[in-house]
Amino acid sequence: MDYIIKAETIAGNDGDISIKQSKIPFGTTPNKAESLPNPAELFLGAFASCILKNVERFSEMMKFSYSKTSLLVKATRLENPPRIDEVSYELVVYSQDEKLNTC
C-alpha cells in the first residue's frame, strides 16, 4: 500500500497537510499555537487513529461487538534535543460482549 500526502507552509505562516480530499491545518508559528494542532499533536493524533482503527479491525477478526471507544493519549516532550520522551494511553472499549475482558 502506498500513501501520498502533501504538506505546505508559507514563511511566517502556519501550514496545511493535504490528504485525499481533506486539508488539515497545523501550527508552525506562535500566532495560532492555542487553536491549531502542532506537529507533535498531529503525530499523537495519528498514533491514536491507528489504535482506534485497529479496535475496529480486530472487532471483526475476533468477532466481538462494541458500541464506542475512547482513547486518551498523554505525552511528554523534552527540549534538548527536542523529542517525545514518554507516551502513555488509556483505551476504553464500551461493550456488552461477555467475551471481552473487563477491569
PDB file of N, CA and C in Angstrom:
ATOM      1  N   MET A   1       0.846  -1.172   0.000  1.00  0.00           N
ATOM      2  CA  MET A   1       0.000   0.000   0.000  1.00  0.00           C
ATOM      3  C   MET A   1       0.890   1.232   0.000  1.00  0.00           C
ATOM      4  N   ASP A   2       0.574   2.170  -0.833  1.00  0.00           N
ATOM      5  CA  ASP A   2       1.324   3.416  -0.916  1.00  0.00           C
ATOM      6  C   ASP A   2       0.461   4.566  -0.418  1.00  0.00           C
ATOM      7  N   TYR A   3       1.104   5.530   0.207  1.00  0.00           N
ATOM      8  CA  TYR A   3       0.416   6.710   0.708  1.00  0.00           C
ATOM      9  C   TYR A   3       1.031   7.948   0.078  1.00  0.00           C
ATOM     10  N   ILE A   4       0.205   8.932  -0.173  1.00  0.00           N
ATOM     11  CA  ILE A   4       0.691  10.210  -0.675  1.00  0.00           C
ATOM     12  C   ILE A   4       0.018  11.318   0.125  1.00  0.00           C
ATOM     13  N   ILE A   5       0.834  12.155   0.718  1.00  0.00           N
ATOM     14  CA  ILE A   5       0.322  13.356   1.378  1.00  0.00           C
ATOM     15  C   ILE A   5       1.149  14.530   0.887  1.00  0.00           C
ATOM     16  N   LYS A   6       0.616  15.725   1.050  1.00  0.00           N
ATOM     17  CA  LYS A   6       1.367  16.922   0.700  1.00  0.00           C
ATOM     18  C   LYS A   6       1.228  17.895   1.865  1.00  0.00           C
ATOM     19  N   ALA A   7       2.340  18.419   2.327  1.00  0.00           N
ATOM     20  CA  ALA A   7       2.331  19.409   3.401  1.00  0.00           C
ATOM     21  C   ALA A   7       3.009  20.674   2.895  1.00  0.00           C
ATOM     22  N   GLU A   8       2.426  21.815   3.250  1.00  0.00           N
ATOM     23  CA  GLU A   8       2.969  23.094   2.787  1.00  0.00           C
ATOM     24  C   GLU A   8       2.901  24.138   3.893  1.00  0.00           C
ATOM     25  N   THR A   9       3.869  25.012   3.889  1.00  0.00           N
ATOM     26  CA  THR A   9       3.815  26.230   4.693  1.00  0.00           C
ATOM     27  C   THR A   9       4.330  27.379   3.841  1.00  0.00           C
ATOM     28  N   ILE A  10       3.937  28.554   4.215  1.00  0.00           N
ATOM     29  CA  ILE A  10       4.481  29.780   3.626  1.00  0.00           C
ATOM     30  C   ILE A  10       5.238  30.462   4.756  1.00  0.00           C
ATOM     31  N   ALA A  11       6.423  30.929   4.469  1.00  0.00           N
ATOM     32  CA  ALA A  11       7.267  31.532   5.500  1.00  0.00           C
ATOM     33  C   ALA A  11       6.477  32.487   6.388  1.00  0.00           C
ATOM     34  N   GLY A  12       6.612  32.279   7.699  1.00  0.00           N
ATOM     35  CA  GLY A  12       5.934  33.147   8.657  1.00  0.00           C
ATOM     36  C   GLY A  12       4.479  32.809   8.898  1.00  0.00           C
ATOM     37  N   ASN A  13       3.966  31.770   8.240  1.00  0.00           N
ATOM     38  CA  ASN A  13       2.571  31.362   8.391  1.00  0.00           C
ATOM     39  C   ASN A  13       2.497  29.903   8.823  1.00  0.00           C
ATOM     40  N   ASP A  14       1.303  29.480   9.177  1.00  0.00           N
ATOM     41  CA  ASP A  14       1.088  28.091   9.555  1.00  0.00           C
ATOM     42  C   ASP A  14       0.929  27.239   8.309  1.00  0.00           C
ATOM     43  N   GLY A  15       0.790  25.934   8.494  1.00  0.00           N
ATOM     44  CA  GLY A  15       0.787  25.036   7.353  1.00  0.00           C
ATOM     45  C   GLY A  15      -0.500  24.264   7.170  1.00  0.00           C
ATOM     46  N   ASP A  16      -0.529  23.512   6.089  1.00  0.00           N
ATOM     47  CA  ASP A  16      -1.645  22.620   5.763  1.00  0.00           C
ATOM     48  C   ASP A  16      -1.079  21.284   5.296  1.00  0.00           C
ATOM     49  N   ILE A  17      -1.751  20.225   5.677  1.00  0.00           N
ATOM     50  CA  ILE A  17      -1.462  18.896   5.148  1.00  0.00           C
ATOM     51  C   ILE A  17      -2.652  18.516   4.277  1.00  0.00           C
ATOM     52  N   SER A  18      -2.387  18.100   3.062  1.00  0.00           N
ATOM     53  CA  SER A  18      -3.453  17.640   2.168  1.00  0.00           C
ATOM     54  C   SER A  18      -3.371  16.124   2.073  1.00  0.00           C
ATOM     55  N   ILE A  19      -4.487  15.476   2.434  1.00  0.00           N
ATOM     56  CA  ILE A  19      -4.594  14.022   2.362  1.00  0.00           C
ATOM     57  C   ILE A  19      -5.927  13.714   1.692  1.00  0.00           C
ATOM     58  N   LYS A  20      -5.862  13.043   0.557  1.00  0.00           N
ATOM     59  CA  LYS A  20      -7.060  12.760  -0.238  1.00  0.00           C
ATOM     60  C   LYS A  20      -7.817  14.063  -0.455  1.00  0.00           C
ATOM     61  N   GLN A  21      -9.074  14.140   0.008  1.00  0.00           N
ATOM     62  CA  GLN A  21      -9.848  15.366  -0.178  1.00  0.00           C
ATOM     63  C   GLN A  21      -9.932  16.197   1.104  1.00  0.00           C
ATOM     64  N   SER A  22      -9.048  15.905   2.045  1.00  0.00           N
ATOM     65  CA  SER A  22      -9.041  16.624   3.318  1.00  0.00           C
ATOM     66  C   SER A  22      -7.836  17.536   3.415  1.00  0.00           C
ATOM     67  N   LYS A  23      -8.044  18.671   4.055  1.00  0.00           N
ATOM     68  CA  LYS A  23      -6.969  19.598   4.351  1.00  0.00           C
ATOM     69  C   LYS A  23      -6.930  19.762   5.868  1.00  0.00           C
ATOM     70  N   ILE A  24      -5.769  19.541   6.442  1.00  0.00           N
ATOM     71  CA  ILE A  24      -5.609  19.629   7.892  1.00  0.00           C
ATOM     72  C   ILE A  24      -4.633  20.760   8.195  1.00  0.00           C
ATOM     73  N   PRO A  25      -5.127  21.839   8.783  1.00  0.00           N
ATOM     74  CA  PRO A  25      -4.212  22.927   9.137  1.00  0.00           C
ATOM     75  C   PRO A  25      -3.394  22.558  10.377  1.00  0.00           C
ATOM     76  N   PHE A  26      -2.159  23.041  10.457  1.00  0.00           N
ATOM     77  CA  PHE A  26      -1.339  22.815  11.644  1.00  0.00           C
ATOM     78  C   PHE A  26      -0.495  24.044  11.916  1.00  0.00           C
ATOM     79  N   GLY A  27      -0.121  24.196  13.175  1.00  0.00           N
ATOM     80  CA  GLY A  27       0.609  25.373  13.592  1.00  0.00           C
ATOM     81  C   GLY A  27       2.114  25.195  13.492  1.00  0.00           C
ATOM     82  N   THR A  28       2.758  26.215  12.962  1.00  0.00           N
ATOM     83  CA  THR A  28       4.220  26.270  12.960  1.00  0.00           C
ATOM     84  C   THR A  28       4.708  27.584  13.552  1.00  0.00           C
ATOM     85  N   THR A  29       3.789  28.491  13.836  1.00  0.00           N
ATOM     86  CA  THR A  29       4.138  29.805  14.386  1.00  0.00           C
ATOM     87  C   THR A  29       3.415  29.984  15.721  1.00  0.00           C
ATOM     88  N   PRO A  30       3.868  30.914  16.539  1.00  0.00           N
ATOM     89  CA  PRO A  30       3.186  31.175  17.811  1.00  0.00           C
ATOM     90  C   PRO A  30       1.803  31.804  17.643  1.00  0.00           C
ATOM     91  N   ASN A  31       1.511  32.355  16.461  1.00  0.00           N
ATOM     92  CA  ASN A  31       0.240  33.067  16.234  1.00  0.00           C
ATOM     93  C   ASN A  31      -0.986  32.219  16.544  1.00  0.00           C
ATOM     94  N   LYS A  32      -0.961  30.958  16.171  1.00  0.00           N
ATOM     95  CA  LYS A  32      -2.142  30.112  16.353  1.00  0.00           C
ATOM     96  C   LYS A  32      -1.844  28.907  17.245  1.00  0.00           C
ATOM     97  N   ALA A  33      -0.857  29.047  18.120  1.00  0.00           N
ATOM     98  CA  ALA A  33      -0.447  27.938  18.986  1.00  0.00           C
ATOM     99  C   ALA A  33      -1.588  27.433  19.864  1.00  0.00           C
ATOM    100  N   GLU A  34      -2.523  28.284  20.181  1.00  0.00           N
ATOM    101  CA  GLU A  34      -3.643  27.878  21.043  1.00  0.00           C
ATOM    102  C   GLU A  34      -4.809  27.276  20.274  1.00  0.00           C
ATOM    103  N   SER A  35      -4.842  27.455  18.949  1.00  0.00           N
ATOM    104  CA  SER A  35      -6.005  26.980  18.192  1.00  0.00           C
ATOM    105  C   SER A  35      -5.692  25.878  17.181  1.00  0.00           C
ATOM    106  N   LEU A  36      -4.469  25.791  16.688  1.00  0.00           N
ATOM    107  CA  LEU A  36      -4.129  24.759  15.702  1.00  0.00           C
ATOM    108  C   LEU A  36      -3.251  23.687  16.337  1.00  0.00           C
ATOM    109  N   PRO A  37      -3.411  22.436  15.914  1.00  0.00           N
ATOM    110  CA  PRO A  37      -2.517  21.395  16.435  1.00  0.00           C
ATOM    111  C   PRO A  37      -1.091  21.632  15.932  1.00  0.00           C
ATOM    112  N   ASN A  38      -0.126  21.332  16.800  1.00  0.00           N
ATOM    113  CA  ASN A  38       1.262  21.416  16.364  1.00  0.00           C
ATOM    114  C   ASN A  38       1.689  20.053  15.808  1.00  0.00           C
ATOM    115  N   PRO A  39       2.853  19.947  15.202  1.00  0.00           N
ATOM    116  CA  PRO A  39       3.272  18.677  14.614  1.00  0.00           C
ATOM    117  C   PRO A  39       3.290  17.507  15.608  1.00  0.00           C
ATOM    118  N   ALA A  40       3.705  17.752  16.852  1.00  0.00           N
ATOM    119  CA  ALA A  40       3.713  16.669  17.846  1.00  0.00           C
ATOM    120  C   ALA A  40       2.288  16.183  18.122  1.00  0.00           C
ATOM    121  N   GLU A  41       1.344  17.104  18.209  1.00  0.00           N
ATOM    122  CA  GLU A  41      -0.053  16.718  18.439  1.00  0.00           C
ATOM    123  C   GLU A  41      -0.617  15.956  17.247  1.00  0.00           C
ATOM    124  N   LEU A  42      -0.236  16.347  16.037  1.00  0.00           N
ATOM    125  CA  LEU A  42      -0.664  15.590  14.855  1.00  0.00           C
ATOM    126  C   LEU A  42      -0.086  14.178  14.874  1.00  0.00           C
ATOM    127  N   PHE A  43       1.170  14.056  15.268  1.00  0.00           N
ATOM    128  CA  PHE A  43       1.809  12.743  15.389  1.00  0.00           C
ATOM    129  C   PHE A  43       1.048  11.870  16.385  1.00  0.00           C
ATOM    130  N   LEU A  44       0.724  12.430  17.544  1.00  0.00           N
ATOM    131  CA  LEU A  44      -0.020  11.675  18.556  1.00  0.00           C
ATOM    132  C   LEU A  44      -1.439  11.380  18.090  1.00  0.00           C
ATOM    133  N   GLY A  45      -2.032  12.294  17.331  1.00  0.00           N
ATOM    134  CA  GLY A  45      -3.351  12.039  16.752  1.00  0.00           C
ATOM    135  C   GLY A  45      -3.323  10.892  15.762  1.00  0.00           C
ATOM    136  N   ALA A  46      -2.254  10.801  14.963  1.00  0.00           N
ATOM    137  CA  ALA A  46      -2.101   9.679  14.029  1.00  0.00           C
ATOM    138  C   ALA A  46      -1.940   8.372  14.797  1.00  0.00           C
ATOM    139  N   PHE A  47      -1.162   8.396  15.874  1.00  0.00           N
ATOM    140  CA  PHE A  47      -0.990   7.230  16.742  1.00  0.00           C
ATOM    141  C   PHE A  47      -2.349   6.781  17.292  1.00  0.00           C
ATOM    142  N   ALA A  48      -3.131   7.734  17.796  1.00  0.00           N
ATOM    143  CA  ALA A  48      -4.460   7.422  18.339  1.00  0.00           C
ATOM    144  C   ALA A  48      -5.383   6.864  17.260  1.00  0.00           C
ATOM    145  N   SER A  49      -5.331   7.452  16.077  1.00  0.00           N
ATOM    146  CA  SER A  49      -6.161   6.967  14.969  1.00  0.00           C
ATOM    147  C   SER A  49      -5.828   5.519  14.621  1.00  0.00           C
ATOM    148  N   CYS A  50      -4.540   5.183  14.645  1.00  0.00           N
ATOM    149  CA  CYS A  50      -4.125   3.798  14.355  1.00  0.00           C
ATOM    150  C   CYS A  50      -4.692   2.829  15.391  1.00  0.00           C
ATOM    151  N   ILE A  51      -4.628   3.214  16.652  1.00  0.00           N
ATOM    152  CA  ILE A  51      -5.165   2.336  17.705  1.00  0.00           C
ATOM    153  C   ILE A  51      -6.662   2.132  17.511  1.00  0.00           C
ATOM    154  N   LEU A  52      -7.399   3.209  17.278  1.00  0.00           N
ATOM    155  CA  LEU A  52      -8.846   3.090  17.118  1.00  0.00           C
ATOM    156  C   LEU A  52      -9.221   2.323  15.858  1.00  0.00           C
ATOM    157  N   LYS A  53      -8.453   2.497  14.797  1.00  0.00           N
ATOM    158  CA  LYS A  53      -8.707   1.714  13.583  1.00  0.00           C
ATOM    159  C   LYS A  53      -8.483   0.229  13.856  1.00  0.00           C
ATOM    160  N   ASN A  54      -7.469  -0.084  14.664  1.00  0.00           N
ATOM    161  CA  ASN A  54      -7.210  -1.486  14.996  1.00  0.00           C
ATOM    162  C   ASN A  54      -8.302  -2.092  15.871  1.00  0.00           C
ATOM    163  N   VAL A  55      -8.910  -1.295  16.740  1.00  0.00           N
ATOM    164  CA  VAL A  55     -10.056  -1.810  17.504  1.00  0.00           C
ATOM    165  C   VAL A  55     -11.146  -2.252  16.534  1.00  0.00           C
ATOM    166  N   GLU A  56     -11.446  -1.411  15.558  1.00  0.00           N
ATOM    167  CA  GLU A  56     -12.464  -1.746  14.553  1.00  0.00           C
ATOM    168  C   GLU A  56     -12.070  -3.000  13.784  1.00  0.00           C
ATOM    169  N   ARG A  57     -10.830  -3.041  13.327  1.00  0.00           N
ATOM    170  CA  ARG A  57     -10.344  -4.187  12.547  1.00  0.00           C
ATOM    171  C   ARG A  57     -10.400  -5.478  13.373  1.00  0.00           C
ATOM    172  N   PHE A  58      -9.906  -5.408  14.618  1.00  0.00           N
ATOM    173  CA  PHE A  58      -9.875  -6.615  15.448  1.00  0.00           C
ATOM    174  C   PHE A  58     -11.260  -7.032  15.919  1.00  0.00           C
ATOM    175  N   SER A  59     -12.188  -6.085  16.012  1.00  0.00           N
ATOM    176  CA  SER A  59     -13.551  -6.480  16.397  1.00  0.00           C
ATOM    177  C   SER A  59     -14.152  -7.401  15.334  1.00  0.00           C
ATOM    178  N   GLU A  60     -13.813  -7.153  14.096  1.00  0.00           N
ATOM    179  CA  GLU A  60     -14.296  -8.030  13.019  1.00  0.00           C
ATOM    180  C   GLU A  60     -13.548  -9.353  13.012  1.00  0.00           C
ATOM    181  N   MET A  61     -12.217  -9.290  13.147  1.00  0.00           N
ATOM    182  CA  MET A  61     -11.414 -10.513  13.115  1.00  0.00           C
ATOM    183  C   MET A  61     -11.699 -11.425  14.312  1.00  0.00           C
ATOM    184  N   MET A  62     -11.879 -10.820  15.491  1.00  0.00           N
ATOM    185  CA  MET A  62     -12.064 -11.593  16.718  1.00  0.00           C
ATOM    186  C   MET A  62     -13.535 -11.751  17.084  1.00  0.00           C
ATOM    187  N   LYS A  63     -14.386 -11.219  16.234  1.00  0.00           N
ATOM    188  CA  LYS A  63     -15.832 -11.356  16.370  1.00  0.00           C
ATOM    189  C   LYS A  63     -16.357 -10.912  17.743  1.00  0.00           C
ATOM    190  N   PHE A  64     -16.052  -9.667  18.081  1.00  0.00           N
ATOM    191  CA  PHE A  64     -16.674  -9.064  19.265  1.00  0.00           C
ATOM    192  C   PHE A  64     -17.337  -7.765  18.841  1.00  0.00           C
ATOM    193  N   SER A  65     -18.316  -7.370  19.614  1.00  0.00           N
ATOM    194  CA  SER A  65     -19.042  -6.143  19.286  1.00  0.00           C
ATOM    195  C   SER A  65     -18.753  -5.084  20.346  1.00  0.00           C
ATOM    196  N   TYR A  66     -18.813  -3.844  19.913  1.00  0.00           N
ATOM    197  CA  TYR A  66     -18.645  -2.723  20.831  1.00  0.00           C
ATOM    198  C   TYR A  66     -19.487  -1.571  20.315  1.00  0.00           C
ATOM    199  N   SER A  67     -19.836  -0.669  21.226  1.00  0.00           N
ATOM    200  CA  SER A  67     -20.657   0.470  20.819  1.00  0.00           C
ATOM    201  C   SER A  67     -19.825   1.731  20.620  1.00  0.00           C
ATOM    202  N   LYS A  68     -18.688   1.799  21.325  1.00  0.00           N
ATOM    203  CA  LYS A  68     -17.901   3.030  21.290  1.00  0.00           C
ATOM    204  C   LYS A  68     -16.521   2.747  21.871  1.00  0.00           C
ATOM    205  N   THR A  69     -15.545   3.545  21.478  1.00  0.00           N
ATOM    206  CA  THR A  69     -14.227   3.515  22.110  1.00  0.00           C
ATOM    207  C   THR A  69     -13.830   4.930  22.500  1.00  0.00           C
ATOM    208  N   SER A  70     -12.997   5.001  23.496  1.00  0.00           N
ATOM    209  CA  SER A  70     -12.468   6.280  23.955  1.00  0.00           C
ATOM    210  C   SER A  70     -10.973   6.091  24.190  1.00  0.00           C
ATOM    211  N   LEU A  71     -10.183   7.035  23.733  1.00  0.00           N
ATOM    212  CA  LEU A  71      -8.738   6.918  23.871  1.00  0.00           C
ATOM    213  C   LEU A  71      -8.175   8.243  24.353  1.00  0.00           C
ATOM    214  N   LEU A  72      -7.428   8.202  25.437  1.00  0.00           N
ATOM    215  CA  LEU A  72      -6.749   9.379  25.959  1.00  0.00           C
ATOM    216  C   LEU A  72      -5.252   9.134  25.824  1.00  0.00           C
ATOM    217  N   VAL A  73      -4.556  10.009  25.107  1.00  0.00           N
ATOM    218  CA  VAL A  73      -3.112   9.886  24.897  1.00  0.00           C
ATOM    219  C   VAL A  73      -2.434  11.050  25.607  1.00  0.00           C
ATOM    220  N   LYS A  74      -1.393  10.722  26.379  1.00  0.00           N
ATOM    221  CA  LYS A  74      -0.595  11.747  27.048  1.00  0.00           C
ATOM    222  C   LYS A  74       0.858  11.541  26.647  1.00  0.00           C
ATOM    223  N   ALA A  75       1.573  12.627  26.433  1.00  0.00           N
ATOM    224  CA  ALA A  75       2.974  12.531  26.044  1.00  0.00           C
ATOM    225  C   ALA A  75       3.776  13.623  26.735  1.00  0.00           C
ATOM    226  N   THR A  76       5.046  13.337  26.926  1.00  0.00           N
ATOM    227  CA  THR A  76       5.983  14.301  27.490  1.00  0.00           C
ATOM    228  C   THR A  76       7.034  14.619  26.440  1.00  0.00           C
ATOM    229  N   ARG A  77       7.200  15.902  26.184  1.00  0.00           N
ATOM    230  CA  ARG A  77       8.200  16.352  25.216  1.00  0.00           C
ATOM    231  C   ARG A  77       9.354  16.988  25.972  1.00  0.00           C
ATOM    232  N   LEU A  78      10.557  16.588  25.629  1.00  0.00           N
ATOM    233  CA  LEU A  78      11.752  17.189  26.205  1.00  0.00           C
ATOM    234  C   LEU A  78      12.369  18.124  25.177  1.00  0.00           C
ATOM    235  N   GLU A  79      13.090  19.109  25.645  1.00  0.00           N
ATOM    236  CA  GLU A  79      13.590  20.176  24.782  1.00  0.00           C
ATOM    237  C   GLU A  79      14.951  19.923  24.150  1.00  0.00           C
ATOM    238  N   ASN A  80      15.892  19.323  24.893  1.00  0.00           N
ATOM    239  CA  ASN A  80      17.257  19.309  24.391  1.00  0.00           C
ATOM    240  C   ASN A  80      17.849  17.904  24.393  1.00  0.00           C
ATOM    241  N   PRO A  81      17.904  17.217  23.284  1.00  0.00           N
ATOM    242  CA  PRO A  81      17.352  17.591  21.991  1.00  0.00           C
ATOM    243  C   PRO A  81      15.837  17.414  21.988  1.00  0.00           C
ATOM    244  N   PRO A  82      15.116  18.127  21.116  1.00  0.00           N
ATOM    245  CA  PRO A  82      13.662  18.012  21.076  1.00  0.00           C
ATOM    246  C   PRO A  82      13.240  16.577  20.741  1.00  0.00           C
ATOM    247  N   ARG A  83      12.369  16.025  21.586  1.00  0.00           N
ATOM    248  CA  ARG A  83      11.903  14.652  21.363  1.00  0.00           C
ATOM    249  C   ARG A  83      10.710  14.362  22.252  1.00  0.00           C
ATOM    250  N   ILE A  84       9.928  13.401  21.819  1.00  0.00           N
ATOM    251  CA  ILE A  84       8.858  12.859  22.667  1.00  0.00           C
ATOM    252  C   ILE A  84       9.527  11.794  23.522  1.00  0.00           C
ATOM    253  N   ASP A  85       9.490  11.984  24.817  1.00  0.00           N
ATOM    254  CA  ASP A  85      10.212  11.097  25.735  1.00  0.00           C
ATOM    255  C   ASP A  85       9.339   9.970  26.254  1.00  0.00           C
ATOM    256  N   GLU A  86       8.066  10.250  26.445  1.00  0.00           N
ATOM    257  CA  GLU A  86       7.190   9.246  27.051  1.00  0.00           C
ATOM    258  C   GLU A  86       5.789   9.401  26.474  1.00  0.00           C
ATOM    259  N   VAL A  87       5.170   8.274  26.160  1.00  0.00           N
ATOM    260  CA  VAL A  87       3.786   8.260  25.688  1.00  0.00           C
ATOM    261  C   VAL A  87       3.029   7.235  26.513  1.00  0.00           C
ATOM    262  N   SER A  88       1.896   7.636  27.028  1.00  0.00           N
ATOM    263  CA  SER A  88       1.010   6.688  27.711  1.00  0.00           C
ATOM    264  C   SER A  88      -0.393   6.881  27.155  1.00  0.00           C
ATOM    265  N   TYR A  89      -1.184   5.837  27.238  1.00  0.00           N
ATOM    266  CA  TYR A  89      -2.547   5.972  26.748  1.00  0.00           C
ATOM    267  C   TYR A  89      -3.483   5.073  27.537  1.00  0.00           C
ATOM    268  N   GLU A  90      -4.739   5.472  27.515  1.00  0.00           N
ATOM    269  CA  GLU A  90      -5.797   4.681  28.145  1.00  0.00           C
ATOM    270  C   GLU A  90      -6.882   4.462  27.105  1.00  0.00           C
ATOM    271  N   LEU A  91      -7.111   3.213  26.781  1.00  0.00           N
ATOM    272  CA  LEU A  91      -8.135   2.832  25.808  1.00  0.00           C
ATOM    273  C   LEU A  91      -9.295   2.212  26.562  1.00  0.00           C
ATOM    274  N   VAL A  92     -10.487   2.717  26.311  1.00  0.00           N
ATOM    275  CA  VAL A  92     -11.698   2.151  26.891  1.00  0.00           C
ATOM    276  C   VAL A  92     -12.577   1.690  25.737  1.00  0.00           C
ATOM    277  N   VAL A  93     -12.984   0.429  25.801  1.00  0.00           N
ATOM    278  CA  VAL A  93     -13.886  -0.137  24.799  1.00  0.00           C
ATOM    279  C   VAL A  93     -15.217  -0.390  25.497  1.00  0.00           C
ATOM    280  N   TYR A  94     -16.252   0.262  25.017  1.00  0.00           N
ATOM    281  CA  TYR A  94     -17.586   0.106  25.584  1.00  0.00           C
ATOM    282  C   TYR A  94     -18.274  -1.044  24.866  1.00  0.00           C
ATOM    283  N   SER A  95     -18.653  -2.065  25.637  1.00  0.00           N
ATOM    284  CA  SER A  95     -19.234  -3.246  25.021  1.00  0.00           C
ATOM    285  C   SER A  95     -20.086  -4.008  26.026  1.00  0.00           C
ATOM    286  N   GLN A  96     -21.095  -4.663  25.508  1.00  0.00           N
ATOM    287  CA  GLN A  96     -21.897  -5.597  26.300  1.00  0.00           C
ATOM    288  C   GLN A  96     -21.440  -7.035  26.034  1.00  0.00           C
ATOM    289  N   ASP A  97     -20.449  -7.198  25.195  1.00  0.00           N
ATOM    290  CA  ASP A  97     -19.960  -8.503  24.770  1.00  0.00           C
ATOM    291  C   ASP A  97     -19.226  -9.173  25.945  1.00  0.00           C
ATOM    292  N   GLU A  98     -19.731 -10.318  26.392  1.00  0.00           N
ATOM    293  CA  GLU A  98     -19.161 -11.001  27.542  1.00  0.00           C
ATOM    294  C   GLU A  98     -17.832 -11.680  27.235  1.00  0.00           C
ATOM    295  N   LYS A  99     -17.445 -11.770  25.962  1.00  0.00           N
ATOM    296  CA  LYS A  99     -16.170 -12.389  25.601  1.00  0.00           C
ATOM    297  C   LYS A  99     -14.977 -11.484  25.903  1.00  0.00           C
ATOM    298  N   LEU A 100     -15.240 -10.199  26.109  1.00  0.00           N
ATOM    299  CA  LEU A 100     -14.146  -9.253  26.361  1.00  0.00           C
ATOM    300  C   LEU A 100     -13.766  -9.266  27.830  1.00  0.00           C
ATOM    301  N   ASN A 101     -12.479  -9.060  28.084  1.00  0.00           N
ATOM    302  CA  ASN A 101     -12.008  -8.919  29.471  1.00  0.00           C
ATOM    303  C   ASN A 101     -12.542  -7.620  30.040  1.00  0.00           C
ATOM    304  N   THR A 102     -12.771  -7.580  31.304  1.00  0.00           N
ATOM    305  CA  THR A 102     -13.194  -6.346  31.966  1.00  0.00           C
ATOM    306  C   THR A 102     -12.231  -6.061  33.095  1.00  0.00           C
ATOM    307  N   CYS A 103     -12.208  -4.807  33.520  1.00  0.00           N
ATOM    308  CA  CYS A 103     -11.333  -4.458  34.636  1.00  0.00           C
ATOM    309  C   CYS A 103     -12.138  -4.036  35.841  1.00  0.00           C
TER     310      CYS A 103
END
